[in-house]
C-alpha atoms as a PDB file:
ATOM      1  CA  MET A   1    -103.745-172.362 -26.600  1.00  0.00           C
ATOM      2  CA  LYS A   2    -107.243-171.186 -25.716  1.00  0.00           C
ATOM      3  CA  GLN A   3    -107.620-167.416 -25.550  1.00  0.00           C
ATOM      4  CA  ILE A   4    -109.539-165.355 -23.005  1.00  0.00           C
ATOM      5  CA  ASN A   5    -111.244-162.261 -24.429  1.00  0.00           C
ATOM      6  CA  TRP A   6    -111.183-159.288 -22.072  1.00  0.00           C
ATOM      7  CA  GLY A   7    -113.386-156.219 -21.914  1.00  0.00           C
ATOM      8  CA  ILE A   8    -112.232-153.091 -20.079  1.00  0.00           C
ATOM      9  CA  LEU A   9    -114.941-151.095 -18.341  1.00  0.00           C
ATOM     10  CA  ALA A  10    -113.684-147.485 -17.972  1.00  0.00           C
ATOM     11  CA  ALA A  11    -110.750-145.911 -19.771  1.00  0.00           C
ATOM     12  CA  GLY A  12    -109.034-144.175 -16.856  1.00  0.00           C
ATOM     13  CA  ARG A  13    -105.607-144.274 -15.252  1.00  0.00           C
ATOM     14  CA  ILE A  14    -105.997-147.503 -13.268  1.00  0.00           C
ATOM     15  CA  SER A  15    -107.362-149.275 -16.351  1.00  0.00           C
ATOM     16  CA  SER A  16    -104.306-148.136 -18.303  1.00  0.00           C
ATOM     17  CA  TRP A  17    -101.969-149.600 -15.672  1.00  0.00           C
ATOM     18  CA  PHE A  18    -103.844-152.878 -15.793  1.00  0.00           C
ATOM     19  CA  CYS A  19    -103.899-153.021 -19.587  1.00  0.00           C
ATOM     20  CA  THR A  20    -100.170-152.303 -19.765  1.00  0.00           C
ATOM     21  CA  ALA A  21     -99.662-155.556 -17.860  1.00  0.00           C
ATOM     22  CA  LEU A  22    -102.526-157.515 -19.409  1.00  0.00           C
ATOM     23  CA  ARG A  23    -101.095-157.079 -22.909  1.00  0.00           C
ATOM     24  CA  THR A  24     -98.100-159.208 -21.869  1.00  0.00           C
ATOM     25  CA  VAL A  25    -100.150-162.141 -20.531  1.00  0.00           C
ATOM     26  CA  GLU A  26    -100.112-165.224 -22.733  1.00  0.00           C
ATOM     27  CA  GLY A  27    -103.601-166.341 -23.650  1.00  0.00           C
ATOM     28  CA  ALA A  28    -105.176-162.949 -22.916  1.00  0.00           C
ATOM     29  CA  ARG A  29    -106.656-160.685 -25.594  1.00  0.00           C
ATOM     30  CA  ILE A  30    -108.016-157.227 -24.856  1.00  0.00           C
ATOM     31  CA  LEU A  31    -110.967-157.306 -27.213  1.00  0.00           C
ATOM     32  CA  ALA A  32    -112.972-154.228 -26.237  1.00  0.00           C
ATOM     33  CA  VAL A  33    -113.143-151.134 -24.081  1.00  0.00           C
ATOM     34  CA  GLY A  34    -116.220-149.302 -22.865  1.00  0.00           C
ATOM     35  CA  SER A  35    -116.096-145.640 -21.895  1.00  0.00           C
ATOM     36  CA  ARG A  36    -118.584-142.916 -21.049  1.00  0.00           C
ATOM     37  CA  THR A  37    -117.372-140.969 -24.076  1.00  0.00           C
ATOM     38  CA  LYS A  38    -116.462-142.377 -27.471  1.00  0.00           C
ATOM     39  CA  GLU A  39    -113.484-140.010 -27.803  1.00  0.00           C
ATOM     40  CA  LYS A  40    -111.890-141.213 -24.583  1.00  0.00           C
ATOM     41  CA  GLY A  41    -112.567-144.818 -25.492  1.00  0.00           C
ATOM     42  CA  GLU A  42    -111.032-144.402 -28.939  1.00  0.00           C
ATOM     43  CA  ALA A  43    -107.889-142.815 -27.506  1.00  0.00           C
ATOM     44  CA  PHE A  44    -107.565-145.661 -24.998  1.00  0.00           C
ATOM     45  CA  ALA A  45    -108.134-148.271 -27.699  1.00  0.00           C
ATOM     46  CA  ALA A  46    -105.493-146.725 -29.948  1.00  0.00           C
ATOM     47  CA  ARG A  47    -102.980-146.747 -27.102  1.00  0.00           C
ATOM     48  CA  PHE A  48    -103.500-150.450 -26.340  1.00  0.00           C
ATOM     49  CA  GLU A  49    -104.413-151.699 -29.844  1.00  0.00           C
ATOM     50  CA  ILE A  50    -107.941-152.663 -28.786  1.00  0.00           C
ATOM     51  CA  GLU A  51    -110.230-153.762 -31.613  1.00  0.00           C
ATOM     52  CA  ARG A  52    -113.640-152.636 -30.327  1.00  0.00           C
ATOM     53  CA  VAL A  53    -114.758-149.411 -28.686  1.00  0.00           C
ATOM     54  CA  TYR A  54    -118.139-148.920 -27.006  1.00  0.00           C
ATOM     55  CA  ALA A  55    -119.533-145.564 -25.904  1.00  0.00           C
ATOM     56  CA  SER A  56    -121.506-147.133 -23.066  1.00  0.00           C
ATOM     57  CA  TYR A  57    -120.990-149.833 -20.477  1.00  0.00           C
ATOM     58  CA  ASP A  58    -124.205-151.574 -21.504  1.00  0.00           C
ATOM     59  CA  GLU A  59    -122.883-152.012 -25.054  1.00  0.00           C
ATOM     60  CA  LEU A  60    -119.629-153.431 -23.694  1.00  0.00           C
ATOM     61  CA  VAL A  61    -121.258-156.080 -21.505  1.00  0.00           C
ATOM     62  CA  ALA A  62    -123.601-157.046 -24.353  1.00  0.00           C
ATOM     63  CA  ASP A  63    -120.690-158.123 -26.573  1.00  0.00           C
ATOM     64  CA  PRO A  64    -121.134-161.904 -26.821  1.00  0.00           C
ATOM     65  CA  GLU A  65    -117.436-162.595 -27.443  1.00  0.00           C
ATOM     66  CA  ILE A  66    -116.195-161.082 -24.171  1.00  0.00           C
ATOM     67  CA  ASP A  67    -115.340-163.645 -21.479  1.00  0.00           C
ATOM     68  CA  VAL A  68    -114.335-161.385 -18.584  1.00  0.00           C
ATOM     69  CA  ILE A  69    -114.589-157.692 -17.769  1.00  0.00           C
ATOM     70  CA  TYR A  70    -112.148-155.615 -15.768  1.00  0.00           C
ATOM     71  CA  ILE A  71    -113.907-152.825 -13.844  1.00  0.00           C
ATOM     72  CA  GLY A  72    -111.839-149.707 -13.221  1.00  0.00           C
ATOM     73  CA  VAL A  73    -114.484-147.121 -12.253  1.00  0.00           C
ATOM     74  CA  HIS A  74    -114.589-145.155  -8.978  1.00  0.00           C
ATOM     75  CA  THR A  75    -115.484-147.132  -5.851  1.00  0.00           C
ATOM     76  CA  ARG A  76    -119.064-145.904  -5.620  1.00  0.00           C
ATOM     77  CA  TYR A  77    -119.830-147.473  -8.995  1.00  0.00           C
ATOM     78  CA  HIS A  78    -118.254-150.900  -8.409  1.00  0.00           C
ATOM     79  CA  TYR A  79    -121.454-152.480  -7.106  1.00  0.00           C
ATOM     80  CA  GLU A  80    -123.741-151.436  -9.944  1.00  0.00           C
ATOM     81  CA  ASN A  81    -121.224-152.398 -12.605  1.00  0.00           C
ATOM     82  CA  ILE A  82    -120.402-155.782 -11.072  1.00  0.00           C
ATOM     83  CA  LEU A  83    -124.131-156.510 -11.124  1.00  0.00           C
ATOM     84  CA  ARG A  84    -124.354-155.216 -14.692  1.00  0.00           C
ATOM     85  CA  CYS A  85    -121.625-157.618 -15.826  1.00  0.00           C
ATOM     86  CA  LEU A  86    -122.787-160.651 -13.857  1.00  0.00           C
ATOM     87  CA  ARG A  87    -126.371-160.261 -15.051  1.00  0.00           C
ATOM     88  CA  ALA A  88    -125.038-160.223 -18.611  1.00  0.00           C
ATOM     89  CA  GLY A  89    -123.227-163.510 -17.954  1.00  0.00           C
ATOM     90  CA  LYS A  90    -119.719-162.028 -17.800  1.00  0.00           C
ATOM     91  CA  SER A  91    -116.976-162.962 -15.364  1.00  0.00           C
ATOM     92  CA  VAL A  92    -115.551-159.997 -13.445  1.00  0.00           C
ATOM     93  CA  VAL A  93    -112.379-158.670 -11.884  1.00  0.00           C
ATOM     94  CA  CYS A  94    -113.150-155.407 -10.064  1.00  0.00           C
ATOM     95  CA  GLU A  95    -110.827-152.871  -8.519  1.00  0.00           C
ATOM     96  CA  LYS A  96    -110.636-152.549  -4.748  1.00  0.00           C
ATOM     97  CA  SER A  97    -112.470-151.985  -2.605  1.00  0.00           C
ATOM     98  CA  LEU A  98    -114.754-154.638  -4.042  1.00  0.00           C
ATOM     99  CA  THR A  99    -117.780-152.540  -3.067  1.00  0.00           C
ATOM    100  CA  VAL A 100    -118.590-149.657  -0.712  1.00  0.00           C
ATOM    101  CA  ASN A 101    -119.972-151.861   2.068  1.00  0.00           C
ATOM    102  CA  ALA A 102    -120.395-155.478   3.111  1.00  0.00           C
ATOM    103  CA  ALA A 103    -124.067-155.697   2.151  1.00  0.00           C
ATOM    104  CA  GLN A 104    -123.173-154.886  -1.442  1.00  0.00           C
ATOM    105  CA  ALA A 105    -120.286-157.363  -1.346  1.00  0.00           C
ATOM    106  CA  GLU A 106    -122.559-160.118  -0.051  1.00  0.00           C
ATOM    107  CA  GLU A 107    -124.988-159.513  -2.909  1.00  0.00           C
ATOM    108  CA  VAL A 108    -122.450-159.580  -5.739  1.00  0.00           C
ATOM    109  CA  ILE A 109    -120.695-162.634  -4.292  1.00  0.00           C
ATOM    110  CA  ARG A 110    -123.996-164.464  -3.929  1.00  0.00           C
ATOM    111  CA  LEU A 111    -124.974-163.643  -7.521  1.00  0.00           C
ATOM    112  CA  ALA A 112    -121.596-164.716  -8.937  1.00  0.00           C
ATOM    113  CA  ARG A 113    -121.807-168.033  -7.131  1.00  0.00           C
ATOM    114  CA  GLU A 114    -125.429-168.586  -8.183  1.00  0.00           C
ATOM    115  CA  LYS A 115    -124.559-167.929 -11.821  1.00  0.00           C
ATOM    116  CA  LYS A 116    -121.252-169.852 -11.539  1.00  0.00           C
ATOM    117  CA  LEU A 117    -119.320-166.875 -12.880  1.00  0.00           C
ATOM    118  CA  PHE A 118    -115.791-165.903 -11.915  1.00  0.00           C
ATOM    119  CA  LEU A 119    -115.513-162.883  -9.612  1.00  0.00           C
ATOM    120  CA  MET A 120    -112.376-161.463  -8.019  1.00  0.00           C
ATOM    121  CA  GLU A 121    -111.424-158.253  -6.275  1.00  0.00           C
ATOM    122  CA  ALA A 122    -108.387-156.752  -8.022  1.00  0.00           C
ATOM    123  CA  MET A 123    -106.254-156.887  -4.875  1.00  0.00           C
ATOM    124  CA  TRP A 124    -103.038-156.950  -6.856  1.00  0.00           C
ATOM    125  CA  SER A 125    -100.773-156.988  -3.792  1.00  0.00           C
ATOM    126  CA  LYS A 126    -102.037-160.467  -2.841  1.00  0.00           C
ATOM    127  CA  CYS A 127    -100.820-161.825  -6.186  1.00  0.00           C
ATOM    128  CA  LEU A 128     -97.296-160.414  -5.957  1.00  0.00           C
ATOM    129  CA  PRO A 129     -94.442-162.958  -5.626  1.00  0.00           C
ATOM    130  CA  VAL A 130     -93.054-161.252  -2.523  1.00  0.00           C
ATOM    131  CA  TYR A 131     -96.430-161.397  -0.768  1.00  0.00           C
ATOM    132  CA  LEU A 132     -96.707-165.104  -1.637  1.00  0.00           C
ATOM    133  CA  GLN A 133     -93.244-165.683  -0.158  1.00  0.00           C
ATOM    134  CA  VAL A 134     -94.210-163.818   3.025  1.00  0.00           C
ATOM    135  CA  LYS A 135     -97.340-165.955   3.294  1.00  0.00           C
ATOM    136  CA  GLN A 136     -95.283-169.119   2.780  1.00  0.00           C
ATOM    137  CA  TRP A 137     -92.847-168.132   5.547  1.00  0.00           C
ATOM    138  CA  VAL A 138     -95.780-167.605   7.891  1.00  0.00           C
ATOM    139  CA  GLN A 139     -97.469-170.888   6.948  1.00  0.00           C
ATOM    140  CA  GLU A 140     -94.208-172.771   7.422  1.00  0.00           C
ATOM    141  CA  GLY A 141     -93.959-171.413  10.959  1.00  0.00           C
ATOM    142  CA  GLN A 142     -90.754-169.519  10.241  1.00  0.00           C
ATOM    143  CA  ILE A 143     -91.707-166.697  12.625  1.00  0.00           C
ATOM    144  CA  GLY A 144     -93.838-168.834  14.961  1.00  0.00           C
ATOM    145  CA  ASP A 145     -97.184-167.458  16.057  1.00  0.00           C
ATOM    146  CA  ILE A 146     -97.962-163.994  14.732  1.00  0.00           C
ATOM    147  CA  LYS A 147     -98.010-161.500  17.578  1.00  0.00           C
ATOM    148  CA  MET A 148     -98.149-158.144  15.829  1.00  0.00           C
ATOM    149  CA  PHE A 149     -98.528-156.571  12.402  1.00  0.00           C
ATOM    150  CA  LYS A 150     -97.780-152.929  11.784  1.00  0.00           C
ATOM    151  CA  ALA A 151     -98.350-151.143   8.514  1.00  0.00           C
ATOM    152  CA  GLU A 152     -98.831-147.613   7.257  1.00  0.00           C
ATOM    153  CA  PHE A 153    -100.003-146.326   3.909  1.00  0.00           C
ATOM    154  CA  PHE A 154     -99.833-142.583   3.284  1.00  0.00           C
ATOM    155  CA  THR A 155     -99.782-140.624   0.079  1.00  0.00           C
ATOM    156  CA  PRO A 156     -97.996-137.253   0.081  1.00  0.00           C
ATOM    157  CA  GLY A 157     -99.499-133.857  -0.494  1.00  0.00           C
ATOM    158  CA  LYS A 158    -102.960-132.410  -0.172  1.00  0.00           C
ATOM    159  CA  PHE A 159    -105.265-132.880  -3.112  1.00  0.00           C
ATOM    160  CA  ASP A 160    -107.710-130.110  -3.796  1.00  0.00           C
ATOM    161  CA  PRO A 161    -111.314-131.132  -4.477  1.00  0.00           C
ATOM    162  CA  PRO A 162    -112.651-132.625  -6.680  1.00  0.00           C
ATOM    163  CA  HIS A 163    -109.723-135.105  -6.688  1.00  0.00           C
ATOM    164  CA  ARG A 164    -111.235-138.586  -6.245  1.00  0.00           C
ATOM    165  CA  LEU A 165    -109.543-139.209  -2.882  1.00  0.00           C
ATOM    166  CA  TYR A 166    -111.310-136.186  -1.412  1.00  0.00           C
ATOM    167  CA  ASN A 167    -114.582-136.692  -3.274  1.00  0.00           C
ATOM    168  CA  HIS A 168    -117.407-137.897  -1.026  1.00  0.00           C
ATOM    169  CA  SER A 169    -119.822-138.413  -3.912  1.00  0.00           C
ATOM    170  CA  ILE A 170    -117.743-141.223  -5.481  1.00  0.00           C
ATOM    171  CA  GLY A 171    -116.712-143.019  -2.291  1.00  0.00           C
ATOM    172  CA  GLY A 172    -113.460-141.189  -1.564  1.00  0.00           C
ATOM    173  CA  GLY A 173    -111.470-141.293   1.640  1.00  0.00           C
ATOM    174  CA  ALA A 174    -108.479-143.157   3.038  1.00  0.00           C
ATOM    175  CA  LEU A 175    -110.390-146.204   4.282  1.00  0.00           C
ATOM    176  CA  LEU A 176    -111.652-147.613   0.981  1.00  0.00           C
ATOM    177  CA  ASP A 177    -108.666-146.464  -1.045  1.00  0.00           C
ATOM    178  CA  LEU A 178    -105.685-147.062   1.259  1.00  0.00           C
ATOM    179  CA  SER A 179    -106.580-148.897   4.481  1.00  0.00           C
ATOM    180  CA  VAL A 180    -108.161-151.718   2.523  1.00  0.00           C
ATOM    181  CA  TYR A 181    -104.651-152.918   1.583  1.00  0.00           C
ATOM    182  CA  PRO A 182    -103.150-153.513   5.050  1.00  0.00           C
ATOM    183  CA  VAL A 183    -106.473-154.820   6.380  1.00  0.00           C
ATOM    184  CA  ALA A 184    -106.582-157.338   3.516  1.00  0.00           C
ATOM    185  CA  TYR A 185    -102.934-158.216   4.104  1.00  0.00           C
ATOM    186  CA  ILE A 186    -103.295-159.215   7.744  1.00  0.00           C
ATOM    187  CA  CYS A 187    -106.770-160.752   7.459  1.00  0.00           C
ATOM    188  CA  SER A 188    -105.425-163.091   4.785  1.00  0.00           C
ATOM    189  CA  LEU A 189    -102.905-164.347   7.350  1.00  0.00           C
ATOM    190  CA  LEU A 190    -104.997-164.348  10.532  1.00  0.00           C
ATOM    191  CA  GLY A 191    -108.596-164.451   9.374  1.00  0.00           C
ATOM    192  CA  THR A 192    -111.459-162.403  10.792  1.00  0.00           C
ATOM    193  CA  PRO A 193    -110.406-160.231  13.749  1.00  0.00           C
ATOM    194  CA  ASP A 194    -112.289-160.604  17.016  1.00  0.00           C
ATOM    195  CA  ARG A 195    -112.189-156.894  17.811  1.00  0.00           C
ATOM    196  CA  VAL A 196    -111.950-153.684  15.783  1.00  0.00           C
ATOM    197  CA  ASP A 197    -111.106-150.254  17.221  1.00  0.00           C
ATOM    198  CA  SER A 198    -110.852-147.316  14.867  1.00  0.00           C
ATOM    199  CA  THR A 199    -110.774-143.534  14.774  1.00  0.00           C
ATOM    200  CA  ALA A 200    -110.593-141.110  11.856  1.00  0.00           C
ATOM    201  CA  TYR A 201    -110.287-137.448  10.985  1.00  0.00           C
ATOM    202  CA  ILE A 202    -113.135-136.416   8.692  1.00  0.00           C
ATOM    203  CA  GLY A 203    -112.025-133.483   6.566  1.00  0.00           C
ATOM    204  CA  GLU A 204    -113.856-130.539   5.074  1.00  0.00           C
ATOM    205  CA  THR A 205    -115.007-132.515   2.014  1.00  0.00           C
ATOM    206  CA  ASN A 206    -116.646-135.125   4.284  1.00  0.00           C
ATOM    207  CA  VAL A 207    -114.219-138.018   3.722  1.00  0.00           C
ATOM    208  CA  ASP A 208    -111.731-139.616   6.113  1.00  0.00           C
ATOM    209  CA  VAL A 209    -108.445-137.844   5.474  1.00  0.00           C
ATOM    210  CA  ASP A 210    -106.610-140.235   7.773  1.00  0.00           C
ATOM    211  CA  ASP A 211    -107.556-143.124   9.995  1.00  0.00           C
ATOM    212  CA  SER A 212    -106.144-145.444  12.640  1.00  0.00           C
ATOM    213  CA  ILE A 213    -107.259-149.071  12.972  1.00  0.00           C
ATOM    214  CA  VAL A 214    -106.374-151.586  15.675  1.00  0.00           C
ATOM    215  CA  LEU A 215    -107.425-155.181  15.027  1.00  0.00           C
ATOM    216  CA  ARG A 216    -107.247-157.847  17.725  1.00  0.00           C
ATOM    217  CA  TRP A 217    -107.561-161.624  17.659  1.00  0.00           C
ATOM    218  CA  ASN A 218    -108.358-163.859  20.627  1.00  0.00           C
ATOM    219  CA  SER A 219    -104.988-165.540  20.061  1.00  0.00           C
ATOM    220  CA  GLY A 220    -103.383-162.353  21.402  1.00  0.00           C
ATOM    221  CA  ALA A 221    -102.270-161.125  17.989  1.00  0.00           C
ATOM    222  CA  PHE A 222    -103.004-157.548  16.996  1.00  0.00           C
ATOM    223  CA  ALA A 223    -102.493-155.205  14.064  1.00  0.00           C
ATOM    224  CA  HIS A 224    -101.941-151.453  14.098  1.00  0.00           C
ATOM    225  CA  ILE A 225    -102.730-149.730  10.826  1.00  0.00           C
ATOM    226  CA  CYS A 226    -102.489-146.009  10.009  1.00  0.00           C
ATOM    227  CA  CYS A 227    -103.381-144.537   6.628  1.00  0.00           C
ATOM    228  CA  GLY A 228    -103.996-141.120   5.130  1.00  0.00           C
ATOM    229  CA  PHE A 229    -103.369-138.536   2.449  1.00  0.00           C
ATOM    230  CA  ASN A 230    -101.149-135.884   3.942  1.00  0.00           C
ATOM    231  CA  ILE A 231     -97.899-137.553   5.062  1.00  0.00           C
ATOM    232  CA  ALA A 232     -95.031-138.567   2.764  1.00  0.00           C
ATOM    233  CA  GLN A 233     -93.176-141.736   3.714  1.00  0.00           C
ATOM    234  CA  GLU A 234     -92.077-145.114   2.360  1.00  0.00           C
ATOM    235  CA  ASN A 235     -94.861-147.191   3.985  1.00  0.00           C
ATOM    236  CA  PRO A 236     -93.010-150.295   5.183  1.00  0.00           C
ATOM    237  CA  ALA A 237     -94.630-153.118   7.162  1.00  0.00           C
ATOM    238  CA  VAL A 238     -93.486-155.647   9.748  1.00  0.00           C
ATOM    239  CA  LEU A 239     -94.863-158.963  10.954  1.00  0.00           C
ATOM    240  CA  ILE A 240     -93.570-159.968  14.385  1.00  0.00           C
ATOM    241  CA  GLY A 241     -93.915-163.518  15.645  1.00  0.00           C
ATOM    242  CA  SER A 242     -92.865-165.620  18.624  1.00  0.00           C
ATOM    243  CA  LYS A 243     -89.755-166.918  16.774  1.00  0.00           C
ATOM    244  CA  GLY A 244     -88.830-164.054  14.473  1.00  0.00           C
ATOM    245  CA  LYS A 245     -90.158-161.382  12.192  1.00  0.00           C
ATOM    246  CA  ILE A 246     -90.639-160.419   8.565  1.00  0.00           C
ATOM    247  CA  THR A 247     -89.807-156.933   7.356  1.00  0.00           C
ATOM    248  CA  ILE A 248     -91.325-155.705   4.102  1.00  0.00           C
ATOM    249  CA  ASP A 249     -89.420-152.768   2.707  1.00  0.00           C
ATOM    250  CA  HIS A 250     -90.539-149.498   1.191  1.00  0.00           C
ATOM    251  CA  ASN A 251     -94.177-149.699   0.060  1.00  0.00           C
ATOM    252  CA  PHE A 252     -95.400-152.997   1.472  1.00  0.00           C
ATOM    253  CA  LEU A 253     -98.453-153.266  -0.800  1.00  0.00           C
ATOM    254  CA  SER A 254     -96.256-153.162  -3.914  1.00  0.00           C
ATOM    255  CA  ALA A 255     -93.185-154.792  -2.379  1.00  0.00           C
ATOM    256  CA  THR A 256     -90.442-156.363  -4.457  1.00  0.00           C
ATOM    257  CA  SER A 257     -88.347-157.389  -1.431  1.00  0.00           C
ATOM    258  CA  ALA A 258     -88.753-158.756   2.088  1.00  0.00           C
ATOM    259  CA  GLN A 259     -86.530-160.177   4.820  1.00  0.00           C
ATOM    260  CA  LEU A 260     -87.019-163.043   7.248  1.00  0.00           C
ATOM    261  CA  ARG A 261     -85.245-162.171  10.517  1.00  0.00           C
ATOM    262  CA  ASP A 262     -84.586-163.922  13.813  1.00  0.00           C
ATOM    263  CA  LEU A 263     -85.336-162.436  17.235  1.00  0.00           C
ATOM    264  CA  ASN A 264     -81.950-160.688  17.168  1.00  0.00           C
ATOM    265  CA  ASN A 265     -82.973-158.929  13.946  1.00  0.00           C
ATOM    266  CA  GLU A 266     -80.406-160.875  11.920  1.00  0.00           C
ATOM    267  CA  ILE A 267     -81.480-161.726   8.365  1.00  0.00           C
ATOM    268  CA  VAL A 268     -82.119-165.463   7.999  1.00  0.00           C
ATOM    269  CA  ALA A 269     -83.479-165.326   4.444  1.00  0.00           C
ATOM    270  CA  GLU A 270     -84.500-162.639   2.004  1.00  0.00           C
ATOM    271  CA  VAL A 271     -86.259-162.341  -1.306  1.00  0.00           C
ATOM    272  CA  SER A 272     -86.011-159.736  -4.060  1.00  0.00           C
ATOM    273  CA  ILE A 273     -88.244-160.115  -7.107  1.00  0.00           C
ATOM    274  CA  PRO A 274     -88.496-157.143  -9.485  1.00  0.00           C
ATOM    275  CA  TYR A 275     -91.673-156.785 -11.524  1.00  0.00           C
ATOM    276  CA  GLU A 276     -91.820-158.273 -14.988  1.00  0.00           C
ATOM    277  CA  VAL A 277     -93.901-155.290 -16.131  1.00  0.00           C
ATOM    278  CA  ASN A 278     -95.523-153.025 -13.523  1.00  0.00           C
ATOM    279  CA  GLY A 279     -96.829-155.442 -10.887  1.00  0.00           C
ATOM    280  CA  TYR A 280    -100.342-155.785 -12.285  1.00  0.00           C
ATOM    281  CA  GLU A 281     -99.273-158.682 -14.470  1.00  0.00           C
ATOM    282  CA  TYR A 282     -99.540-161.115 -11.560  1.00  0.00           C
ATOM    283  CA  GLU A 283    -103.233-160.504 -10.880  1.00  0.00           C
ATOM    284  CA  ALA A 284    -103.891-160.498 -14.636  1.00  0.00           C
ATOM    285  CA  LYS A 285    -102.178-163.880 -14.963  1.00  0.00           C
ATOM    286  CA  GLU A 286    -104.126-165.214 -11.995  1.00  0.00           C
ATOM    287  CA  VAL A 287    -107.483-164.244 -13.486  1.00  0.00           C
ATOM    288  CA  ASN A 288    -106.567-165.586 -16.911  1.00  0.00           C
ATOM    289  CA  ARG A 289    -105.308-168.854 -15.409  1.00  0.00           C
ATOM    290  CA  CYS A 290    -108.468-169.324 -13.353  1.00  0.00           C
ATOM    291  CA  LEU A 291    -110.673-168.758 -16.386  1.00  0.00           C
ATOM    292  CA  LEU A 292    -108.668-171.130 -18.574  1.00  0.00           C
ATOM    293  CA  GLU A 293    -109.013-173.780 -15.846  1.00  0.00           C
ATOM    294  CA  GLY A 294    -112.755-173.192 -15.482  1.00  0.00           C
ATOM    295  CA  LYS A 295    -112.562-171.844 -11.938  1.00  0.00           C
ATOM    296  CA  ILE A 296    -115.084-169.339 -10.582  1.00  0.00           C
ATOM    297  CA  GLU A 297    -112.932-168.094  -7.702  1.00  0.00           C
ATOM    298  CA  SER A 298    -109.254-167.377  -7.088  1.00  0.00           C
ATOM    299  CA  ALA A 299    -107.370-169.125  -4.302  1.00  0.00           C
ATOM    300  CA  LEU A 300    -105.036-166.118  -4.094  1.00  0.00           C
ATOM    301  CA  VAL A 301    -107.839-163.564  -3.620  1.00  0.00           C
ATOM    302  CA  PRO A 302    -110.775-165.565  -2.189  1.00  0.00           C
ATOM    303  CA  LEU A 303    -114.163-163.897  -2.102  1.00  0.00           C
ATOM    304  CA  ASP A 304    -114.645-164.805   1.557  1.00  0.00           C
ATOM    305  CA  GLU A 305    -111.508-162.817   2.404  1.00  0.00           C
ATOM    306  CA  SER A 306    -112.775-159.825   0.424  1.00  0.00           C
ATOM    307  CA  LEU A 307    -116.054-160.020   2.356  1.00  0.00           C
ATOM    308  CA  THR A 308    -114.202-160.210   5.683  1.00  0.00           C
ATOM    309  CA  VAL A 309    -112.319-157.034   4.787  1.00  0.00           C
ATOM    310  CA  MET A 310    -115.517-155.213   3.837  1.00  0.00           C
ATOM    311  CA  ARG A 311    -117.049-156.146   7.196  1.00  0.00           C
ATOM    312  CA  VAL A 312    -114.006-154.788   9.024  1.00  0.00           C
ATOM    313  CA  LEU A 313    -114.182-151.528   7.053  1.00  0.00           C
ATOM    314  CA  ASP A 314    -117.909-151.281   7.798  1.00  0.00           C
ATOM    315  CA  GLU A 315    -117.202-151.614  11.519  1.00  0.00           C
ATOM    316  CA  CYS A 316    -114.577-148.864  11.295  1.00  0.00           C
ATOM    317  CA  ARG A 317    -117.111-146.510   9.725  1.00  0.00           C
ATOM    318  CA  ASN A 318    -119.765-147.522  12.251  1.00  0.00           C
ATOM    319  CA  GLN A 319    -117.430-146.465  15.035  1.00  0.00           C
ATOM    320  CA  TRP A 320    -116.827-143.117  13.341  1.00  0.00           C
ATOM    321  CA  GLY A 321    -120.557-142.602  12.793  1.00  0.00           C
ATOM    322  CA  PHE A 322    -119.806-142.118   9.091  1.00  0.00           C
ATOM    323  CA  ARG A 323    -121.862-143.063   6.039  1.00  0.00           C
ATOM    324  CA  PHE A 324    -121.786-141.970   2.444  1.00  0.00           C
ATOM    325  CA  ALA A 325    -124.782-139.942   1.332  1.00  0.00           C
ATOM    326  CA  PHE A 326    -125.463-142.374  -1.536  1.00  0.00           C
ATOM    327  CA  GLU A 327    -125.634-145.511   0.670  1.00  0.00           C
END
């Protein structure tokens, strides 16, 4: 079987989660890691049995044997590192949000397509088996026409600066870190919304601590999304249609179970699919499969959908009158 050689750009926590899953994917080899410090890179490499360690991102992308690079840096630095990889001829899977704004997303997508290189946002929730089952129920018309989607994503506790979520200088805030998930979820089912209405509370470190988003489609469907850092809850979601509804338990973005219900709230069908590893294995398999098949885009996480989401998030920030200082 042909093998795909992976490079890991950044040796932080999210990269470790991804590598934990990637190591189990048949046909995938983690060949190298690049870190800002050699010591951190060496520790990461020892943990995941990675052969090559580079003390700079430029050295990593210059390795001629690497086929694809996973980018796990902070959001602010996605754009520059996607460009770095694409210009070096490397395929890319980059953590969400794909970029900070839609203009950046348009540029990296255009370059990837021009160079015929694979590019995918690491929207792991859209690769999960339960999400795919929910999407299938919707496409089969099991709940009829979608009327309403409601989702919340809150993380408990207040993080003191300079925690990344509260750090303006690296693109912190609820919108790009949390709200991106439910927005991506519903836009993948209904497409580009016809209207966006959003408000946010901007905290003392100049990031959105929480936000509320209402999306509307001319079909009459709407979505109500609330996200933030200072409320502890399970974060379920519900899709309500003209013939029934789908309830997604606990944390919808990482769901392992969902229920198809009729209008009387009786369960018609349900699915429960525990992770094989930690949930990241599904996006890792998707990228590896696409590369082995010579594809430059994933059907599960299409670039056009990622761009739609970035445009929605831009409109939210426009309505708040909020920009990052580095934009």
